[in-house]
C-alpha cells in the first residue's frame, strides 16, 4: 500500500552572491564543494555541492539580502572543517567552535557576499 504522506527529501537554499564566480571559488576552496552547474561564463547562477548538500548561488547586488541570509548545515566530524575554515580566514568573528546548551557543537562563517552559514554537529 502506498503512503499518502509526502516525504521531504532535501533542501537546496538559494544563496545571493555579489559575484557568482567569487562564490564558486570560495565554496570550492574554503569548504571543499564541487561545482555541479554553471549557467554561463561568467556565471549568473551556479550550483555547488558536497555530500548531500547543494547550494544554489545566484547573482544579486543587494548587500542587505546577503546580510540577512543565513543557514545551518548539519555535519559529522566538525573539527576538520573548523580547522579548514580557520586556515581560510572565513570563521565569523563571533562564531568560533563551541558547545551549545541544546546539544550541538557549532561554528559560523561568512561567505564573500556576507551570507552567514553555521555548521552544526549533534552531540550524542
PDB file of N, CA and C in Angstrom:
ATOM      1  N   UNK A   1       0.835  -1.176   0.000  1.00  0.00           N
ATOM      2  CA  UNK A   1       0.000   0.000   0.000  1.00  0.00           C
ATOM      3  C   UNK A   1       0.887   1.248   0.000  1.00  0.00           C
ATOM      4  N   UNK A   2       0.581   2.195  -0.852  1.00  0.00           N
ATOM      5  CA  UNK A   2       1.348   3.431  -0.929  1.00  0.00           C
ATOM      6  C   UNK A   2       0.972   4.384   0.191  1.00  0.00           C
ATOM      7  N   UNK A   3       1.977   5.054   0.695  1.00  0.00           N
ATOM      8  CA  UNK A   3       1.741   6.064   1.718  1.00  0.00           C
ATOM      9  C   UNK A   3       1.081   7.286   1.086  1.00  0.00           C
ATOM     10  N   UNK A   4       0.222   7.915   1.822  1.00  0.00           N
ATOM     11  CA  UNK A   4      -0.417   9.139   1.339  1.00  0.00           C
ATOM     12  C   UNK A   4       0.229  10.383   1.948  1.00  0.00           C
ATOM     13  N   UNK A   5       1.334  10.176   2.648  1.00  0.00           N
ATOM     14  CA  UNK A   5       2.034  11.282   3.287  1.00  0.00           C
ATOM     15  C   UNK A   5       3.254  11.669   2.460  1.00  0.00           C
ATOM     16  N   UNK A   6       3.426  12.934   2.225  1.00  0.00           N
ATOM     17  CA  UNK A   6       4.585  13.433   1.495  1.00  0.00           C
ATOM     18  C   UNK A   6       5.842  13.275   2.334  1.00  0.00           C
ATOM     19  N   UNK A   7       6.924  12.854   1.698  1.00  0.00           N
ATOM     20  CA  UNK A   7       8.231  12.776   2.352  1.00  0.00           C
ATOM     21  C   UNK A   7       9.102  13.920   1.848  1.00  0.00           C
ATOM     22  N   UNK A   8       9.649  14.683   2.760  1.00  0.00           N
ATOM     23  CA  UNK A   8      10.580  15.741   2.390  1.00  0.00           C
ATOM     24  C   UNK A   8      11.960  15.112   2.240  1.00  0.00           C
ATOM     25  N   UNK A   9      12.646  15.377   1.126  1.00  0.00           N
ATOM     26  CA  UNK A   9      13.894  14.691   0.829  1.00  0.00           C
ATOM     27  C   UNK A   9      15.146  15.547   0.987  1.00  0.00           C
ATOM     28  N   UNK A  10      15.040  16.825   0.718  1.00  0.00           N
ATOM     29  CA  UNK A  10      16.237  17.650   0.719  1.00  0.00           C
ATOM     30  C   UNK A  10      15.830  19.110   0.699  1.00  0.00           C
ATOM     31  N   UNK A  11      16.767  19.971   0.958  1.00  0.00           N
ATOM     32  CA  UNK A  11      16.568  21.405   0.793  1.00  0.00           C
ATOM     33  C   UNK A  11      17.798  21.956   0.079  1.00  0.00           C
ATOM     34  N   UNK A  12      17.573  22.815  -0.886  1.00  0.00           N
ATOM     35  CA  UNK A  12      18.669  23.423  -1.642  1.00  0.00           C
ATOM     36  C   UNK A  12      18.495  24.935  -1.600  1.00  0.00           C
ATOM     37  N   UNK A  13      19.094  25.587  -0.610  1.00  0.00           N
ATOM     38  CA  UNK A  13      18.872  27.023  -0.453  1.00  0.00           C
ATOM     39  C   UNK A  13      19.464  27.849  -1.592  1.00  0.00           C
ATOM     40  N   UNK A  14      18.805  28.956  -1.862  1.00  0.00           N
ATOM     41  CA  UNK A  14      19.296  29.950  -2.813  1.00  0.00           C
ATOM     42  C   UNK A  14      20.140  30.956  -2.041  1.00  0.00           C
ATOM     43  N   UNK A  15      21.380  31.122  -2.465  1.00  0.00           N
ATOM     44  CA  UNK A  15      22.337  31.976  -1.773  1.00  0.00           C
ATOM     45  C   UNK A  15      22.666  33.174  -2.672  1.00  0.00           C
ATOM     46  N   UNK A  16      22.362  34.402  -2.224  1.00  0.00           N
ATOM     47  CA  UNK A  16      22.714  35.567  -3.038  1.00  0.00           C
ATOM     48  C   UNK A  16      24.227  35.759  -3.081  1.00  0.00           C
ATOM     49  N   UNK A  17      24.722  36.110  -4.255  1.00  0.00           N
ATOM     50  CA  UNK A  17      26.164  36.320  -4.432  1.00  0.00           C
ATOM     51  C   UNK A  17      26.399  37.600  -5.231  1.00  0.00           C
ATOM     52  N   UNK A  18      27.186  38.503  -4.675  1.00  0.00           N
ATOM     53  CA  UNK A  18      27.544  39.710  -5.434  1.00  0.00           C
ATOM     54  C   UNK A  18      28.289  39.329  -6.702  1.00  0.00           C
ATOM     55  N   UNK A  19      29.118  38.293  -6.604  1.00  0.00           N
ATOM     56  CA  UNK A  19      29.910  37.802  -7.730  1.00  0.00           C
ATOM     57  C   UNK A  19      29.854  36.279  -7.668  1.00  0.00           C
ATOM     58  N   UNK A  20      29.104  35.674  -8.569  1.00  0.00           N
ATOM     59  CA  UNK A  20      28.906  34.219  -8.528  1.00  0.00           C
ATOM     60  C   UNK A  20      30.230  33.487  -8.709  1.00  0.00           C
ATOM     61  N   UNK A  21      31.103  33.983  -9.574  1.00  0.00           N
ATOM     62  CA  UNK A  21      32.401  33.329  -9.773  1.00  0.00           C
ATOM     63  C   UNK A  21      33.221  33.344  -8.481  1.00  0.00           C
ATOM     64  N   UNK A  22      33.188  34.453  -7.760  1.00  0.00           N
ATOM     65  CA  UNK A  22      33.875  34.536  -6.472  1.00  0.00           C
ATOM     66  C   UNK A  22      33.251  33.550  -5.483  1.00  0.00           C
ATOM     67  N   UNK A  23      31.927  33.431  -5.515  1.00  0.00           N
ATOM     68  CA  UNK A  23      31.236  32.477  -4.647  1.00  0.00           C
ATOM     69  C   UNK A  23      31.632  31.041  -4.954  1.00  0.00           C
ATOM     70  N   UNK A  24      31.681  30.703  -6.234  1.00  0.00           N
ATOM     71  CA  UNK A  24      32.095  29.354  -6.638  1.00  0.00           C
ATOM     72  C   UNK A  24      33.491  29.061  -6.079  1.00  0.00           C
ATOM     73  N   UNK A  25      34.412  29.983  -6.284  1.00  0.00           N
ATOM     74  CA  UNK A  25      35.789  29.784  -5.808  1.00  0.00           C
ATOM     75  C   UNK A  25      35.824  29.620  -4.293  1.00  0.00           C
ATOM     76  N   UNK A  26      35.056  30.437  -3.573  1.00  0.00           N
ATOM     77  CA  UNK A  26      35.030  30.347  -2.118  1.00  0.00           C
ATOM     78  C   UNK A  26      34.516  28.989  -1.660  1.00  0.00           C
ATOM     79  N   UNK A  27      33.371  28.563  -2.155  1.00  0.00           N
ATOM     80  CA  UNK A  27      32.790  27.303  -1.692  1.00  0.00           C
ATOM     81  C   UNK A  27      33.654  26.107  -2.089  1.00  0.00           C
ATOM     82  N   UNK A  28      34.337  26.193  -3.211  1.00  0.00           N
ATOM     83  CA  UNK A  28      35.243  25.113  -3.611  1.00  0.00           C
ATOM     84  C   UNK A  28      36.498  25.105  -2.736  1.00  0.00           C
ATOM     85  N   UNK A  29      37.148  26.242  -2.619  1.00  0.00           N
ATOM     86  CA  UNK A  29      38.442  26.297  -1.937  1.00  0.00           C
ATOM     87  C   UNK A  29      38.331  26.260  -0.421  1.00  0.00           C
ATOM     88  N   UNK A  30      37.419  27.019   0.140  1.00  0.00           N
ATOM     89  CA  UNK A  30      37.317  27.106   1.599  1.00  0.00           C
ATOM     90  C   UNK A  30      36.579  25.924   2.206  1.00  0.00           C
ATOM     91  N   UNK A  31      35.586  25.375   1.470  1.00  0.00           N
ATOM     92  CA  UNK A  31      34.726  24.350   2.059  1.00  0.00           C
ATOM     93  C   UNK A  31      34.766  23.004   1.346  1.00  0.00           C
ATOM     94  N   UNK A  32      35.447  22.903   0.227  1.00  0.00           N
ATOM     95  CA  UNK A  32      35.567  21.627  -0.467  1.00  0.00           C
ATOM     96  C   UNK A  32      34.355  21.226  -1.285  1.00  0.00           C
ATOM     97  N   UNK A  33      33.512  22.195  -1.665  1.00  0.00           N
ATOM     98  CA  UNK A  33      32.362  21.896  -2.511  1.00  0.00           C
ATOM     99  C   UNK A  33      32.822  21.689  -3.948  1.00  0.00           C
ATOM    100  N   UNK A  34      32.005  20.993  -4.733  1.00  0.00           N
ATOM    101  CA  UNK A  34      32.260  20.776  -6.157  1.00  0.00           C
ATOM    102  C   UNK A  34      31.270  21.612  -6.961  1.00  0.00           C
ATOM    103  N   UNK A  35      31.716  22.164  -8.057  1.00  0.00           N
ATOM    104  CA  UNK A  35      30.821  22.863  -8.971  1.00  0.00           C
ATOM    105  C   UNK A  35      30.050  21.819  -9.766  1.00  0.00           C
ATOM    106  N   UNK A  36      28.719  21.851  -9.694  1.00  0.00           N
ATOM    107  CA  UNK A  36      27.913  20.882 -10.439  1.00  0.00           C
ATOM    108  C   UNK A  36      27.146  21.521 -11.586  1.00  0.00           C
ATOM    109  N   UNK A  37      27.008  22.851 -11.568  1.00  0.00           N
ATOM    110  CA  UNK A  37      26.319  23.543 -12.665  1.00  0.00           C
ATOM    111  C   UNK A  37      26.744  25.002 -12.692  1.00  0.00           C
ATOM    112  N   UNK A  38      26.943  25.509 -13.896  1.00  0.00           N
ATOM    113  CA  UNK A  38      27.215  26.935 -14.129  1.00  0.00           C
ATOM    114  C   UNK A  38      26.420  27.319 -15.365  1.00  0.00           C
ATOM    115  N   UNK A  39      25.660  28.416 -15.304  1.00  0.00           N
ATOM    116  CA  UNK A  39      24.804  28.779 -16.430  1.00  0.00           C
ATOM    117  C   UNK A  39      25.545  29.469 -17.567  1.00  0.00           C
ATOM    118  N   UNK A  40      26.624  30.136 -17.281  1.00  0.00           N
ATOM    119  CA  UNK A  40      27.354  30.887 -18.302  1.00  0.00           C
ATOM    120  C   UNK A  40      28.758  31.158 -17.775  1.00  0.00           C
ATOM    121  N   UNK A  41      29.550  31.834 -18.588  1.00  0.00           N
ATOM    122  CA  UNK A  41      30.878  32.217 -18.153  1.00  0.00           C
ATOM    123  C   UNK A  41      31.083  33.683 -18.505  1.00  0.00           C
ATOM    124  N   UNK A  42      31.024  34.603 -17.574  1.00  0.00           N
ATOM    125  CA  UNK A  42      30.927  34.375 -16.133  1.00  0.00           C
ATOM    126  C   UNK A  42      29.507  34.002 -15.708  1.00  0.00           C
ATOM    127  N   UNK A  43      29.431  33.273 -14.623  1.00  0.00           N
ATOM    128  CA  UNK A  43      28.152  32.732 -14.153  1.00  0.00           C
ATOM    129  C   UNK A  43      27.273  33.807 -13.523  1.00  0.00           C
ATOM    130  N   UNK A  44      25.974  33.657 -13.750  1.00  0.00           N
ATOM    131  CA  UNK A  44      24.949  34.422 -13.043  1.00  0.00           C
ATOM    132  C   UNK A  44      24.205  33.510 -12.072  1.00  0.00           C
ATOM    133  N   UNK A  45      24.356  32.208 -12.291  1.00  0.00           N
ATOM    134  CA  UNK A  45      23.728  31.190 -11.449  1.00  0.00           C
ATOM    135  C   UNK A  45      24.626  29.965 -11.467  1.00  0.00           C
ATOM    136  N   UNK A  46      24.792  29.332 -10.315  1.00  0.00           N
ATOM    137  CA  UNK A  46      25.615  28.122 -10.235  1.00  0.00           C
ATOM    138  C   UNK A  46      25.129  27.261  -9.084  1.00  0.00           C
ATOM    139  N   UNK A  47      25.444  25.987  -9.171  1.00  0.00           N
ATOM    140  CA  UNK A  47      25.141  25.051  -8.095  1.00  0.00           C
ATOM    141  C   UNK A  47      26.455  24.424  -7.651  1.00  0.00           C
ATOM    142  N   UNK A  48      26.686  24.461  -6.342  1.00  0.00           N
ATOM    143  CA  UNK A  48      27.836  23.785  -5.753  1.00  0.00           C
ATOM    144  C   UNK A  48      27.308  22.767  -4.758  1.00  0.00           C
ATOM    145  N   UNK A  49      28.014  21.659  -4.611  1.00  0.00           N
ATOM    146  CA  UNK A  49      27.540  20.630  -3.700  1.00  0.00           C
ATOM    147  C   UNK A  49      28.678  19.875  -3.053  1.00  0.00           C
ATOM    148  N   UNK A  50      28.352  19.317  -1.927  1.00  0.00           N
ATOM    149  CA  UNK A  50      29.282  18.440  -1.213  1.00  0.00           C
ATOM    150  C   UNK A  50      28.442  17.449  -0.432  1.00  0.00           C
ATOM    151  N   UNK A  51      28.742  16.169  -0.606  1.00  0.00           N
ATOM    152  CA  UNK A  51      27.973  15.105   0.027  1.00  0.00           C
ATOM    153  C   UNK A  51      26.491  15.331  -0.304  1.00  0.00           C
ATOM    154  N   UNK A  52      25.614  15.443   0.669  1.00  0.00           N
ATOM    155  CA  UNK A  52      24.189  15.605   0.384  1.00  0.00           C
ATOM    156  C   UNK A  52      23.709  17.039   0.341  1.00  0.00           C
ATOM    157  N   UNK A  53      24.620  18.012   0.370  1.00  0.00           N
ATOM    158  CA  UNK A  53      24.239  19.424   0.426  1.00  0.00           C
ATOM    159  C   UNK A  53      24.468  20.075  -0.936  1.00  0.00           C
ATOM    160  N   UNK A  54      23.463  20.809  -1.408  1.00  0.00           N
ATOM    161  CA  UNK A  54      23.585  21.595  -2.636  1.00  0.00           C
ATOM    162  C   UNK A  54      23.190  23.026  -2.325  1.00  0.00           C
ATOM    163  N   UNK A  55      24.011  23.963  -2.773  1.00  0.00           N
ATOM    164  CA  UNK A  55      23.732  25.382  -2.613  1.00  0.00           C
ATOM    165  C   UNK A  55      23.605  26.003  -3.994  1.00  0.00           C
ATOM    166  N   UNK A  56      22.563  26.784  -4.190  1.00  0.00           N
ATOM    167  CA  UNK A  56      22.311  27.454  -5.460  1.00  0.00           C
ATOM    168  C   UNK A  56      22.724  28.918  -5.310  1.00  0.00           C
ATOM    169  N   UNK A  57      23.767  29.308  -6.001  1.00  0.00           N
ATOM    170  CA  UNK A  57      24.277  30.675  -5.944  1.00  0.00           C
ATOM    171  C   UNK A  57      23.665  31.484  -7.082  1.00  0.00           C
ATOM    172  N   UNK A  58      23.110  32.645  -6.771  1.00  0.00           N
ATOM    173  CA  UNK A  58      22.544  33.487  -7.821  1.00  0.00           C
ATOM    174  C   UNK A  58      23.059  34.915  -7.687  1.00  0.00           C
ATOM    175  N   UNK A  59      23.283  35.553  -8.828  1.00  0.00           N
ATOM    176  CA  UNK A  59      23.806  36.915  -8.835  1.00  0.00           C
ATOM    177  C   UNK A  59      22.788  37.870  -8.235  1.00  0.00           C
ATOM    178  N   UNK A  60      23.250  38.668  -7.265  1.00  0.00           N
ATOM    179  CA  UNK A  60      22.385  39.651  -6.626  1.00  0.00           C
ATOM    180  C   UNK A  60      23.274  40.703  -5.975  1.00  0.00           C
ATOM    181  N   UNK A  61      23.079  41.935  -6.339  1.00  0.00           N
ATOM    182  CA  UNK A  61      23.916  43.024  -5.839  1.00  0.00           C
ATOM    183  C   UNK A  61      23.397  43.660  -4.554  1.00  0.00           C
ATOM    184  N   UNK A  62      22.260  43.203  -4.057  1.00  0.00           N
ATOM    185  CA  UNK A  62      21.666  43.792  -2.856  1.00  0.00           C
ATOM    186  C   UNK A  62      22.385  43.269  -1.614  1.00  0.00           C
ATOM    187  N   UNK A  63      23.264  44.081  -1.054  1.00  0.00           N
ATOM    188  CA  UNK A  63      24.051  43.685   0.121  1.00  0.00           C
ATOM    189  C   UNK A  63      23.145  43.323   1.295  1.00  0.00           C
ATOM    190  N   UNK A  64      22.014  44.004   1.425  1.00  0.00           N
ATOM    191  CA  UNK A  64      21.101  43.731   2.534  1.00  0.00           C
ATOM    192  C   UNK A  64      20.539  42.312   2.455  1.00  0.00           C
ATOM    193  N   UNK A  65      20.256  41.847   1.242  1.00  0.00           N
ATOM    194  CA  UNK A  65      19.746  40.483   1.092  1.00  0.00           C
ATOM    195  C   UNK A  65      20.772  39.476   1.597  1.00  0.00           C
ATOM    196  N   UNK A  66      22.030  39.650   1.217  1.00  0.00           N
ATOM    197  CA  UNK A  66      23.082  38.735   1.681  1.00  0.00           C
ATOM    198  C   UNK A  66      23.264  38.830   3.190  1.00  0.00           C
ATOM    199  N   UNK A  67      23.244  40.051   3.712  1.00  0.00           N
ATOM    200  CA  UNK A  67      23.427  40.234   5.158  1.00  0.00           C
ATOM    201  C   UNK A  67      22.331  39.566   5.972  1.00  0.00           C
ATOM    202  N   UNK A  68      21.150  39.452   5.410  1.00  0.00           N
ATOM    203  CA  UNK A  68      20.020  38.857   6.123  1.00  0.00           C
ATOM    204  C   UNK A  68      19.794  37.397   5.748  1.00  0.00           C
ATOM    205  N   UNK A  69      20.675  36.829   4.941  1.00  0.00           N
ATOM    206  CA  UNK A  69      20.566  35.418   4.582  1.00  0.00           C
ATOM    207  C   UNK A  69      21.474  34.606   5.493  1.00  0.00           C
ATOM    208  N   UNK A  70      20.912  33.581   6.106  1.00  0.00           N
ATOM    209  CA  UNK A  70      21.718  32.677   6.923  1.00  0.00           C
ATOM    210  C   UNK A  70      21.129  31.284   6.825  1.00  0.00           C
ATOM    211  N   UNK A  71      21.964  30.299   7.049  1.00  0.00           N
ATOM    212  CA  UNK A  71      21.504  28.919   7.039  1.00  0.00           C
ATOM    213  C   UNK A  71      22.376  28.086   7.949  1.00  0.00           C
ATOM    214  N   UNK A  72      21.880  26.910   8.266  1.00  0.00           N
ATOM    215  CA  UNK A  72      22.591  25.962   9.124  1.00  0.00           C
ATOM    216  C   UNK A  72      22.757  24.662   8.346  1.00  0.00           C
ATOM    217  N   UNK A  73      23.955  24.121   8.378  1.00  0.00           N
ATOM    218  CA  UNK A  73      24.250  22.861   7.708  1.00  0.00           C
ATOM    219  C   UNK A  73      24.742  21.882   8.760  1.00  0.00           C
ATOM    220  N   UNK A  74      24.039  20.766   8.874  1.00  0.00           N
ATOM    221  CA  UNK A  74      24.445  19.748   9.841  1.00  0.00           C
ATOM    222  C   UNK A  74      25.539  18.884   9.234  1.00  0.00           C
ATOM    223  N   UNK A  75      26.588  18.641  10.017  1.00  0.00           N
ATOM    224  CA  UNK A  75      27.737  17.860   9.565  1.00  0.00           C
ATOM    225  C   UNK A  75      28.098  16.808  10.610  1.00  0.00           C
ATOM    226  N   UNK A  76      28.925  15.872  10.205  1.00  0.00           N
ATOM    227  CA  UNK A  76      29.572  14.936  11.125  1.00  0.00           C
ATOM    228  C   UNK A  76      31.062  15.239  11.082  1.00  0.00           C
ATOM    229  N   UNK A  77      31.742  15.087  12.218  1.00  0.00           N
ATOM    230  CA  UNK A  77      33.174  15.371  12.329  1.00  0.00           C
ATOM    231  C   UNK A  77      33.459  16.842  11.976  1.00  0.00           C
ATOM    232  N   UNK A  78      32.989  17.714  12.821  1.00  0.00           N
ATOM    233  CA  UNK A  78      33.059  19.158  12.586  1.00  0.00           C
ATOM    234  C   UNK A  78      34.473  19.726  12.725  1.00  0.00           C
ATOM    235  N   UNK A  79      35.322  19.084  13.522  1.00  0.00           N
ATOM    236  CA  UNK A  79      36.646  19.651  13.813  1.00  0.00           C
ATOM    237  C   UNK A  79      37.520  19.866  12.576  1.00  0.00           C
ATOM    238  N   UNK A  80      37.624  18.894  11.645  1.00  0.00           N
ATOM    239  CA  UNK A  80      38.446  19.154  10.458  1.00  0.00           C
ATOM    240  C   UNK A  80      37.917  20.324   9.618  1.00  0.00           C
ATOM    241  N   UNK A  81      36.600  20.455   9.528  1.00  0.00           N
ATOM    242  CA  UNK A  81      36.019  21.567   8.773  1.00  0.00           C
ATOM    243  C   UNK A  81      36.331  22.895   9.452  1.00  0.00           C
ATOM    244  N   UNK A  82      36.246  22.914  10.763  1.00  0.00           N
ATOM    245  CA  UNK A  82      36.572  24.140  11.501  1.00  0.00           C
ATOM    246  C   UNK A  82      38.027  24.543  11.248  1.00  0.00           C
ATOM    247  N   UNK A  83      38.921  23.569  11.294  1.00  0.00           N
ATOM    248  CA  UNK A  83      40.326  23.855  11.010  1.00  0.00           C
ATOM    249  C   UNK A  83      40.523  24.407   9.611  1.00  0.00           C
ATOM    250  N   UNK A  84      39.832  23.830   8.648  1.00  0.00           N
ATOM    251  CA  UNK A  84      39.934  24.298   7.263  1.00  0.00           C
ATOM    252  C   UNK A  84      39.437  25.741   7.141  1.00  0.00           C
ATOM    253  N   UNK A  85      38.326  26.035   7.804  1.00  0.00           N
ATOM    254  CA  UNK A  85      37.772  27.393   7.750  1.00  0.00           C
ATOM    255  C   UNK A  85      38.674  28.394   8.459  1.00  0.00           C
ATOM    256  N   UNK A  86      39.309  27.978   9.547  1.00  0.00           N
ATOM    257  CA  UNK A  86      40.275  28.862  10.216  1.00  0.00           C
ATOM    258  C   UNK A  86      41.441  29.176   9.279  1.00  0.00           C
ATOM    259  N   UNK A  87      41.946  28.149   8.596  1.00  0.00           N
ATOM    260  CA  UNK A  87      43.055  28.343   7.658  1.00  0.00           C
ATOM    261  C   UNK A  87      42.678  29.303   6.540  1.00  0.00           C
ATOM    262  N   UNK A  88      41.407  29.267   6.125  1.00  0.00           N
ATOM    263  CA  UNK A  88      40.936  30.120   5.036  1.00  0.00           C
ATOM    264  C   UNK A  88      40.428  31.477   5.513  1.00  0.00           C
ATOM    265  N   UNK A  89      40.459  31.711   6.819  1.00  0.00           N
ATOM    266  CA  UNK A  89      40.095  33.012   7.358  1.00  0.00           C
ATOM    267  C   UNK A  89      38.637  33.396   7.210  1.00  0.00           C
ATOM    268  N   UNK A  90      37.748  32.417   7.175  1.00  0.00           N
ATOM    269  CA  UNK A  90      36.336  32.739   6.957  1.00  0.00           C
ATOM    270  C   UNK A  90      35.454  32.508   8.179  1.00  0.00           C
ATOM    271  N   UNK A  91      36.041  32.151   9.326  1.00  0.00           N
ATOM    272  CA  UNK A  91      35.235  31.965  10.537  1.00  0.00           C
ATOM    273  C   UNK A  91      34.707  33.330  10.975  1.00  0.00           C
ATOM    274  N   UNK A  92      33.417  33.385  11.273  1.00  0.00           N
ATOM    275  CA  UNK A  92      32.780  34.624  11.746  1.00  0.00           C
ATOM    276  C   UNK A  92      33.490  35.090  13.020  1.00  0.00           C
ATOM    277  N   UNK A  93      33.727  36.394  13.183  1.00  0.00           N
ATOM    278  CA  UNK A  93      34.422  36.881  14.388  1.00  0.00           C
ATOM    279  C   UNK A  93      33.759  36.447  15.698  1.00  0.00           C
ATOM    280  N   UNK A  94      32.457  36.270  15.691  1.00  0.00           N
ATOM    281  CA  UNK A  94      31.739  35.822  16.888  1.00  0.00           C
ATOM    282  C   UNK A  94      31.255  34.383  16.756  1.00  0.00           C
ATOM    283  N   UNK A  95      31.834  33.626  15.826  1.00  0.00           N
ATOM    284  CA  UNK A  95      31.304  32.300  15.530  1.00  0.00           C
ATOM    285  C   UNK A  95      32.262  31.160  15.752  1.00  0.00           C
ATOM    286  N   UNK A  96      33.147  31.257  16.737  1.00  0.00           N
ATOM    287  CA  UNK A  96      34.113  30.180  16.951  1.00  0.00           C
ATOM    288  C   UNK A  96      33.413  28.902  17.411  1.00  0.00           C
ATOM    289  N   UNK A  97      34.076  27.789  17.200  1.00  0.00           N
ATOM    290  CA  UNK A  97      33.523  26.478  17.534  1.00  0.00           C
ATOM    291  C   UNK A  97      33.274  26.372  19.028  1.00  0.00           C
ATOM    292  N   UNK A  98      32.083  25.922  19.376  1.00  0.00           N
ATOM    293  CA  UNK A  98      31.749  25.748  20.780  1.00  0.00           C
ATOM    294  C   UNK A  98      30.532  24.872  20.961  1.00  0.00           C
ATOM    295  N   UNK A  99      30.348  24.416  22.193  1.00  0.00           N
ATOM    296  CA  UNK A  99      29.182  23.597  22.550  1.00  0.00           C
ATOM    297  C   UNK A  99      28.020  24.511  22.892  1.00  0.00           C
ATOM    298  N   UNK A 100      26.833  24.082  22.500  1.00  0.00           N
ATOM    299  CA  UNK A 100      25.628  24.857  22.760  1.00  0.00           C
ATOM    300  C   UNK A 100      24.729  24.082  23.715  1.00  0.00           C
ATOM    301  N   UNK A 101      23.917  24.779  24.519  1.00  0.00           N
ATOM    302  CA  UNK A 101      23.088  24.106  25.520  1.00  0.00           C
ATOM    303  C   UNK A 101      22.017  23.195  24.921  1.00  0.00           C
ATOM    304  N   UNK A 102      21.721  23.335  23.648  1.00  0.00           N
ATOM    305  CA  UNK A 102      20.701  22.496  23.013  1.00  0.00           C
ATOM    306  C   UNK A 102      21.284  21.232  22.401  1.00  0.00           C
ATOM    307  N   UNK A 103      22.533  20.900  22.751  1.00  0.00           N
ATOM    308  CA  UNK A 103      23.106  19.614  22.369  1.00  0.00           C
ATOM    309  C   UNK A 103      23.856  19.583  21.059  1.00  0.00           C
ATOM    310  N   UNK A 104      24.444  20.712  20.665  1.00  0.00           N
ATOM    311  CA  UNK A 104      25.231  20.739  19.442  1.00  0.00           C
ATOM    312  C   UNK A 104      26.583  21.382  19.698  1.00  0.00           C
ATOM    313  N   UNK A 105      27.497  21.114  18.777  1.00  0.00           N
ATOM    314  CA  UNK A 105      28.737  21.879  18.655  1.00  0.00           C
ATOM    315  C   UNK A 105      28.616  22.588  17.320  1.00  0.00           C
ATOM    316  N   UNK A 106      28.959  23.862  17.279  1.00  0.00           N
ATOM    317  CA  UNK A 106      28.780  24.596  16.038  1.00  0.00           C
ATOM    318  C   UNK A 106      29.712  25.793  15.939  1.00  0.00           C
ATOM    319  N   UNK A 107      29.878  26.241  14.707  1.00  0.00           N
ATOM    320  CA  UNK A 107      30.611  27.464  14.419  1.00  0.00           C
ATOM    321  C   UNK A 107      29.994  28.102  13.180  1.00  0.00           C
ATOM    322  N   UNK A 108      30.329  29.366  12.956  1.00  0.00           N
ATOM    323  CA  UNK A 108      29.759  30.104  11.825  1.00  0.00           C
ATOM    324  C   UNK A 108      30.854  30.711  10.962  1.00  0.00           C
ATOM    325  N   UNK A 109      30.530  30.840   9.683  1.00  0.00           N
ATOM    326  CA  UNK A 109      31.413  31.510   8.730  1.00  0.00           C
ATOM    327  C   UNK A 109      30.628  32.608   8.022  1.00  0.00           C
ATOM    328  N   UNK A 110      31.353  33.474   7.353  1.00  0.00           N
ATOM    329  CA  UNK A 110      30.764  34.491   6.488  1.00  0.00           C
ATOM    330  C   UNK A 110      31.346  34.283   5.093  1.00  0.00           C
ATOM    331  N   UNK A 111      30.464  34.157   4.083  1.00  0.00           N
ATOM    332  CA  UNK A 111      30.964  33.995   2.722  1.00  0.00           C
ATOM    333  C   UNK A 111      31.319  35.370   2.144  1.00  0.00           C
ATOM    334  N   UNK A 112      31.916  35.429   0.948  1.00  0.00           N
ATOM    335  CA  UNK A 112      32.365  36.716   0.405  1.00  0.00           C
ATOM    336  C   UNK A 112      31.261  37.757   0.222  1.00  0.00           C
ATOM    337  N   UNK A 113      30.014  37.324   0.099  1.00  0.00           N
ATOM    338  CA  UNK A 113      28.906  38.265  -0.077  1.00  0.00           C
ATOM    339  C   UNK A 113      28.291  38.703   1.237  1.00  0.00           C
ATOM    340  N   UNK A 114      28.678  38.064   2.345  1.00  0.00           N
ATOM    341  CA  UNK A 114      28.143  38.413   3.655  1.00  0.00           C
ATOM    342  C   UNK A 114      27.124  37.443   4.210  1.00  0.00           C
ATOM    343  N   UNK A 115      26.893  36.326   3.521  1.00  0.00           N
ATOM    344  CA  UNK A 115      25.956  35.305   3.992  1.00  0.00           C
ATOM    345  C   UNK A 115      26.584  34.556   5.163  1.00  0.00           C
ATOM    346  N   UNK A 116      25.804  34.357   6.219  1.00  0.00           N
ATOM    347  CA  UNK A 116      26.277  33.639   7.404  1.00  0.00           C
ATOM    348  C   UNK A 116      25.822  32.181   7.330  1.00  0.00           C
ATOM    349  N   UNK A 117      26.769  31.269   7.484  1.00  0.00           N
ATOM    350  CA  UNK A 117      26.464  29.840   7.475  1.00  0.00           C
ATOM    351  C   UNK A 117      26.992  29.232   8.763  1.00  0.00           C
ATOM    352  N   UNK A 118      26.108  28.570   9.496  1.00  0.00           N
ATOM    353  CA  UNK A 118      26.500  27.849  10.708  1.00  0.00           C
ATOM    354  C   UNK A 118      26.646  26.376  10.363  1.00  0.00           C
ATOM    355  N   UNK A 119      27.728  25.773  10.813  1.00  0.00           N
ATOM    356  CA  UNK A 119      27.925  24.333  10.688  1.00  0.00           C
ATOM    357  C   UNK A 119      27.672  23.729  12.053  1.00  0.00           C
ATOM    358  N   UNK A 120      26.854  22.686  12.077  1.00  0.00           N
ATOM    359  CA  UNK A 120      26.317  22.142  13.320  1.00  0.00           C
ATOM    360  C   UNK A 120      26.576  20.645  13.375  1.00  0.00           C
ATOM    361  N   UNK A 121      27.059  20.175  14.523  1.00  0.00           N
ATOM    362  CA  UNK A 121      27.227  18.743  14.761  1.00  0.00           C
ATOM    363  C   UNK A 121      26.424  18.370  16.004  1.00  0.00           C
ATOM    364  N   UNK A 122      25.586  17.358  15.871  1.00  0.00           N
ATOM    365  CA  UNK A 122      24.825  16.869  17.017  1.00  0.00           C
ATOM    366  C   UNK A 122      25.770  16.160  17.980  1.00  0.00           C
ATOM    367  N   UNK A 123      25.590  16.394  19.261  1.00  0.00           N
ATOM    368  CA  UNK A 123      26.395  15.733  20.284  1.00  0.00           C
ATOM    369  C   UNK A 123      25.542  14.617  20.861  1.00  0.00           C
ATOM    370  N   UNK A 124      26.041  13.385  20.751  1.00  0.00           N
ATOM    371  CA  UNK A 124      25.331  12.171  21.203  1.00  0.00           C
ATOM    372  C   UNK A 124      24.094  11.999  20.399  1.00  0.00           C
TER     373      UNK A 124
END
